[in-house]
PDB file of N, CA and C in Angstrom:
ATOM      1  N   UNK A   1    -118.288 -43.527  96.154  1.00  0.00           N
ATOM      2  CA  UNK A   1    -118.433 -45.007  95.968  1.00  0.00           C
ATOM      3  C   UNK A   1    -119.513 -44.805  94.718  1.00  0.00           C
ATOM      4  N   UNK A   2    -120.453 -44.162  95.239  1.00  0.00           N
ATOM      5  CA  UNK A   2    -121.999 -43.747  94.553  1.00  0.00           C
ATOM      6  C   UNK A   2    -121.708 -43.351  93.476  1.00  0.00           C
ATOM      7  N   UNK A   3    -121.325 -42.725  93.327  1.00  0.00           N
ATOM      8  CA  UNK A   3    -120.601 -41.769  91.834  1.00  0.00           C
ATOM      9  C   UNK A   3    -120.283 -42.770  91.012  1.00  0.00           C
ATOM     10  N   UNK A   4    -119.148 -43.365  91.231  1.00  0.00           N
ATOM     11  CA  UNK A   4    -118.059 -44.410  90.592  1.00  0.00           C
ATOM     12  C   UNK A   4    -119.263 -45.919  90.478  1.00  0.00           C
ATOM     13  N   UNK A   5    -120.196 -45.889  91.110  1.00  0.00           N
ATOM     14  CA  UNK A   5    -121.213 -46.870  90.599  1.00  0.00           C
ATOM     15  C   UNK A   5    -122.412 -46.595  89.497  1.00  0.00           C
ATOM     16  N   UNK A   6    -122.155 -45.542  89.816  1.00  0.00           N
ATOM     17  CA  UNK A   6    -123.739 -44.842  88.676  1.00  0.00           C
ATOM     18  C   UNK A   6    -123.094 -44.707  87.321  1.00  0.00           C
ATOM     19  N   UNK A   7    -121.658 -44.679  86.997  1.00  0.00           N
ATOM     20  CA  UNK A   7    -121.196 -44.942  85.581  1.00  0.00           C
ATOM     21  C   UNK A   7    -121.774 -45.892  84.922  1.00  0.00           C
ATOM     22  N   UNK A   8    -122.417 -45.578  83.167  1.00  0.00           N
ATOM     23  CA  UNK A   8    -122.944 -46.429  82.708  1.00  0.00           C
ATOM     24  C   UNK A   8    -121.428 -47.238  82.226  1.00  0.00           C
ATOM     25  N   UNK A   9    -120.188 -47.427  82.483  1.00  0.00           N
ATOM     26  CA  UNK A   9    -119.188 -48.309  81.770  1.00  0.00           C
ATOM     27  C   UNK A   9    -119.206 -49.180  83.085  1.00  0.00           C
ATOM     28  N   UNK A  10    -118.881 -48.857  84.183  1.00  0.00           N
ATOM     29  CA  UNK A  10    -118.971 -49.643  85.715  1.00  0.00           C
ATOM     30  C   UNK A  10    -120.294 -50.511  85.079  1.00  0.00           C
ATOM     31  N   UNK A  11    -121.374 -49.798  85.370  1.00  0.00           N
ATOM     32  CA  UNK A  11    -122.566 -50.370  85.546  1.00  0.00           C
ATOM     33  C   UNK A  11    -122.536 -51.628  84.277  1.00  0.00           C
ATOM     34  N   UNK A  12    -122.298 -51.302  83.586  1.00  0.00           N
ATOM     35  CA  UNK A  12    -122.054 -52.562  82.499  1.00  0.00           C
ATOM     36  C   UNK A  12    -121.340 -53.583  82.415  1.00  0.00           C
ATOM     37  N   UNK A  13    -120.123 -53.668  83.375  1.00  0.00           N
ATOM     38  CA  UNK A  13    -118.958 -54.375  83.639  1.00  0.00           C
ATOM     39  C   UNK A  13    -119.494 -55.047  84.740  1.00  0.00           C
ATOM     40  N   UNK A  14    -120.072 -54.364  85.742  1.00  0.00           N
ATOM     41  CA  UNK A  14    -120.074 -55.192  86.958  1.00  0.00           C
ATOM     42  C   UNK A  14    -121.543 -55.662  86.228  1.00  0.00           C
ATOM     43  N   UNK A  15    -122.578 -55.770  85.492  1.00  0.00           N
ATOM     44  CA  UNK A  15    -123.582 -56.699  84.890  1.00  0.00           C
ATOM     45  C   UNK A  15    -122.848 -57.728  84.379  1.00  0.00           C
ATOM     46  N   UNK A  16    -122.033 -57.560  83.646  1.00  0.00           N
ATOM     47  CA  UNK A  16    -121.159 -58.534  82.464  1.00  0.00           C
ATOM     48  C   UNK A  16    -120.459 -59.528  83.499  1.00  0.00           C
ATOM     49  N   UNK A  17    -119.827 -59.082  84.297  1.00  0.00           N
ATOM     50  CA  UNK A  17    -119.124 -60.054  85.492  1.00  0.00           C
ATOM     51  C   UNK A  17    -119.966 -60.891  86.054  1.00  0.00           C
ATOM     52  N   UNK A  18    -121.199 -60.261  87.081  1.00  0.00           N
ATOM     53  CA  UNK A  18    -122.042 -61.015  87.571  1.00  0.00           C
ATOM     54  C   UNK A  18    -123.039 -62.199  86.771  1.00  0.00           C
ATOM     55  N   UNK A  19    -123.132 -61.819  85.389  1.00  0.00           N
ATOM     56  CA  UNK A  19    -123.766 -62.912  84.670  1.00  0.00           C
ATOM     57  C   UNK A  19    -122.856 -63.950  83.781  1.00  0.00           C
ATOM     58  N   UNK A  20    -121.715 -63.684  83.959  1.00  0.00           N
ATOM     59  CA  UNK A  20    -120.465 -64.464  83.646  1.00  0.00           C
ATOM     60  C   UNK A  20    -120.473 -65.412  85.162  1.00  0.00           C
ATOM     61  N   UNK A  21    -120.387 -64.966  86.044  1.00  0.00           N
ATOM     62  CA  UNK A  21    -120.603 -65.987  86.847  1.00  0.00           C
ATOM     63  C   UNK A  21    -121.546 -66.828  87.590  1.00  0.00           C
ATOM     64  N   UNK A  22    -122.843 -66.104  87.251  1.00  0.00           N
ATOM     65  CA  UNK A  22    -124.494 -66.394  87.374  1.00  0.00           C
ATOM     66  C   UNK A  22    -124.181 -68.003  86.626  1.00  0.00           C
ATOM     67  N   UNK A  23    -123.592 -67.388  84.868  1.00  0.00           N
ATOM     68  CA  UNK A  23    -124.210 -68.669  84.261  1.00  0.00           C
ATOM     69  C   UNK A  23    -122.890 -69.582  84.205  1.00  0.00           C
ATOM     70  N   UNK A  24    -121.553 -69.429  84.579  1.00  0.00           N
ATOM     71  CA  UNK A  24    -120.534 -70.310  85.078  1.00  0.00           C
ATOM     72  C   UNK A  24    -121.323 -71.531  86.293  1.00  0.00           C
ATOM     73  N   UNK A  25    -121.802 -70.813  87.099  1.00  0.00           N
ATOM     74  CA  UNK A  25    -121.960 -71.701  87.884  1.00  0.00           C
ATOM     75  C   UNK A  25    -123.075 -72.463  87.927  1.00  0.00           C
ATOM     76  N   UNK A  26    -123.925 -72.379  87.535  1.00  0.00           N
ATOM     77  CA  UNK A  26    -125.332 -72.815  86.374  1.00  0.00           C
ATOM     78  C   UNK A  26    -124.633 -74.226  85.491  1.00  0.00           C
ATOM     79  N   UNK A  27    -123.108 -73.542  85.052  1.00  0.00           N
ATOM     80  CA  UNK A  27    -122.681 -74.979  84.550  1.00  0.00           C
ATOM     81  C   UNK A  27    -121.914 -75.828  84.785  1.00  0.00           C
ATOM     82  N   UNK A  28    -121.221 -75.372  85.706  1.00  0.00           N
ATOM     83  CA  UNK A  28    -120.904 -76.636  87.131  1.00  0.00           C
ATOM     84  C   UNK A  28    -122.234 -77.560  87.391  1.00  0.00           C
ATOM     85  N   UNK A  29    -123.051 -76.678  87.856  1.00  0.00           N
ATOM     86  CA  UNK A  29    -124.158 -77.745  88.329  1.00  0.00           C
ATOM     87  C   UNK A  29    -124.370 -78.776  87.282  1.00  0.00           C
ATOM     88  N   UNK A  30    -124.652 -77.986  85.915  1.00  0.00           N
ATOM     89  CA  UNK A  30    -125.029 -79.444  85.386  1.00  0.00           C
ATOM     90  C   UNK A  30    -123.921 -80.043  85.346  1.00  0.00           C
ATOM     91  N   UNK A  31    -122.684 -80.204  85.037  1.00  0.00           N
ATOM     92  CA  UNK A  31    -121.887 -81.013  84.842  1.00  0.00           C
ATOM     93  C   UNK A  31    -121.909 -81.686  85.667  1.00  0.00           C
ATOM     94  N   UNK A  32    -121.870 -81.306  86.948  1.00  0.00           N
ATOM     95  CA  UNK A  32    -122.039 -82.059  88.092  1.00  0.00           C
ATOM     96  C   UNK A  32    -123.345 -83.237  88.406  1.00  0.00           C
ATOM     97  N   UNK A  33    -124.401 -82.932  87.742  1.00  0.00           N
ATOM     98  CA  UNK A  33    -125.108 -83.554  87.675  1.00  0.00           C
ATOM     99  C   UNK A  33    -125.653 -84.809  86.535  1.00  0.00           C
ATOM    100  N   UNK A  34    -125.123 -84.152  85.322  1.00  0.00           N
ATOM    101  CA  UNK A  34    -125.083 -85.161  84.459  1.00  0.00           C
ATOM    102  C   UNK A  34    -123.873 -86.282  84.754  1.00  0.00           C
ATOM    103  N   UNK A  35    -122.507 -86.187  85.719  1.00  0.00           N
ATOM    104  CA  UNK A  35    -121.749 -86.755  86.338  1.00  0.00           C
ATOM    105  C   UNK A  35    -122.738 -88.409  86.725  1.00  0.00           C
ATOM    106  N   UNK A  36    -123.523 -88.187  87.112  1.00  0.00           N
ATOM    107  CA  UNK A  36    -124.591 -89.335  88.185  1.00  0.00           C
ATOM    108  C   UNK A  36    -125.175 -89.828  87.182  1.00  0.00           C
ATOM    109  N   UNK A  37    -125.329 -89.447  85.875  1.00  0.00           N
ATOM    110  CA  UNK A  37    -126.042 -89.888  84.632  1.00  0.00           C
ATOM    111  C   UNK A  37    -124.894 -91.235  83.980  1.00  0.00           C
ATOM    112  N   UNK A  38    -123.585 -90.880  83.883  1.00  0.00           N
ATOM    113  CA  UNK A  38    -122.630 -91.894  83.660  1.00  0.00           C
ATOM    114  C   UNK A  38    -122.983 -93.232  84.221  1.00  0.00           C
ATOM    115  N   UNK A  39    -122.703 -94.262  83.678  1.00  0.00           N
ATOM    116  CA  UNK A  39    -122.465 -95.338  84.325  1.00  0.00           C
ATOM    117  C   UNK A  39    -121.409 -95.879  85.712  1.00  0.00           C
ATOM    118  N   UNK A  40    -120.365 -94.752  85.299  1.00  0.00           N
ATOM    119  CA  UNK A  40    -119.256 -94.841  86.082  1.00  0.00           C
ATOM    120  C   UNK A  40    -119.356 -93.814  87.192  1.00  0.00           C
ATOM    121  N   UNK A  41    -120.464 -93.359  87.668  1.00  0.00           N
ATOM    122  CA  UNK A  41    -120.560 -92.416  88.325  1.00  0.00           C
ATOM    123  C   UNK A  41    -120.463 -92.659  89.708  1.00  0.00           C
ATOM    124  N   UNK A  42    -121.091 -91.899  90.642  1.00  0.00           N
ATOM    125  CA  UNK A  42    -121.193 -92.109  92.009  1.00  0.00           C
ATOM    126  C   UNK A  42    -122.464 -92.141  92.212  1.00  0.00           C
ATOM    127  N   UNK A  43    -122.631 -92.846  93.368  1.00  0.00           N
ATOM    128  CA  UNK A  43    -123.678 -93.226  93.973  1.00  0.00           C
ATOM    129  C   UNK A  43    -124.682 -92.057  94.219  1.00  0.00           C
ATOM    130  N   UNK A  44    -125.632 -92.340  93.659  1.00  0.00           N
ATOM    131  CA  UNK A  44    -127.046 -91.469  93.675  1.00  0.00           C
ATOM    132  C   UNK A  44    -127.842 -91.490  94.894  1.00  0.00           C
ATOM    133  N   UNK A  45    -128.385 -91.068  95.724  1.00  0.00           N
ATOM    134  CA  UNK A  45    -128.929 -91.076  96.479  1.00  0.00           C
ATOM    135  C   UNK A  45    -130.209 -92.040  96.123  1.00  0.00           C
ATOM    136  N   UNK A  46    -130.852 -91.250  95.345  1.00  0.00           N
ATOM    137  CA  UNK A  46    -132.236 -92.477  94.776  1.00  0.00           C
ATOM    138  C   UNK A  46    -131.744 -93.756  94.525  1.00  0.00           C
ATOM    139  N   UNK A  47    -130.685 -94.024  94.353  1.00  0.00           N
ATOM    140  CA  UNK A  47    -130.435 -95.636  93.134  1.00  0.00           C
ATOM    141  C   UNK A  47    -131.011 -96.832  94.177  1.00  0.00           C
ATOM    142  N   UNK A  48    -130.946 -96.242  95.692  1.00  0.00           N
ATOM    143  CA  UNK A  48    -131.260 -97.541  96.572  1.00  0.00           C
ATOM    144  C   UNK A  48    -132.502 -97.663  96.905  1.00  0.00           C
ATOM    145  N   UNK A  49    -133.320 -97.262  96.157  1.00  0.00           N
ATOM    146  CA  UNK A  49    -134.677 -96.956  96.751  1.00  0.00           C
ATOM    147  C   UNK A  49    -135.718 -98.127  95.832  1.00  0.00           C
TER     148      UNK A  49
END
């Protein structure tokens, strides 16, 4: 297993997939937060204060 993980090609693809998933998660969080900005958005927790 260690030999397989130490190959440069494997490291490249694992890094690429990891970064892609990380940026996709950030993108989803930003879309979720942007939803509260619109008028039709759900009730945000701080709107009632």
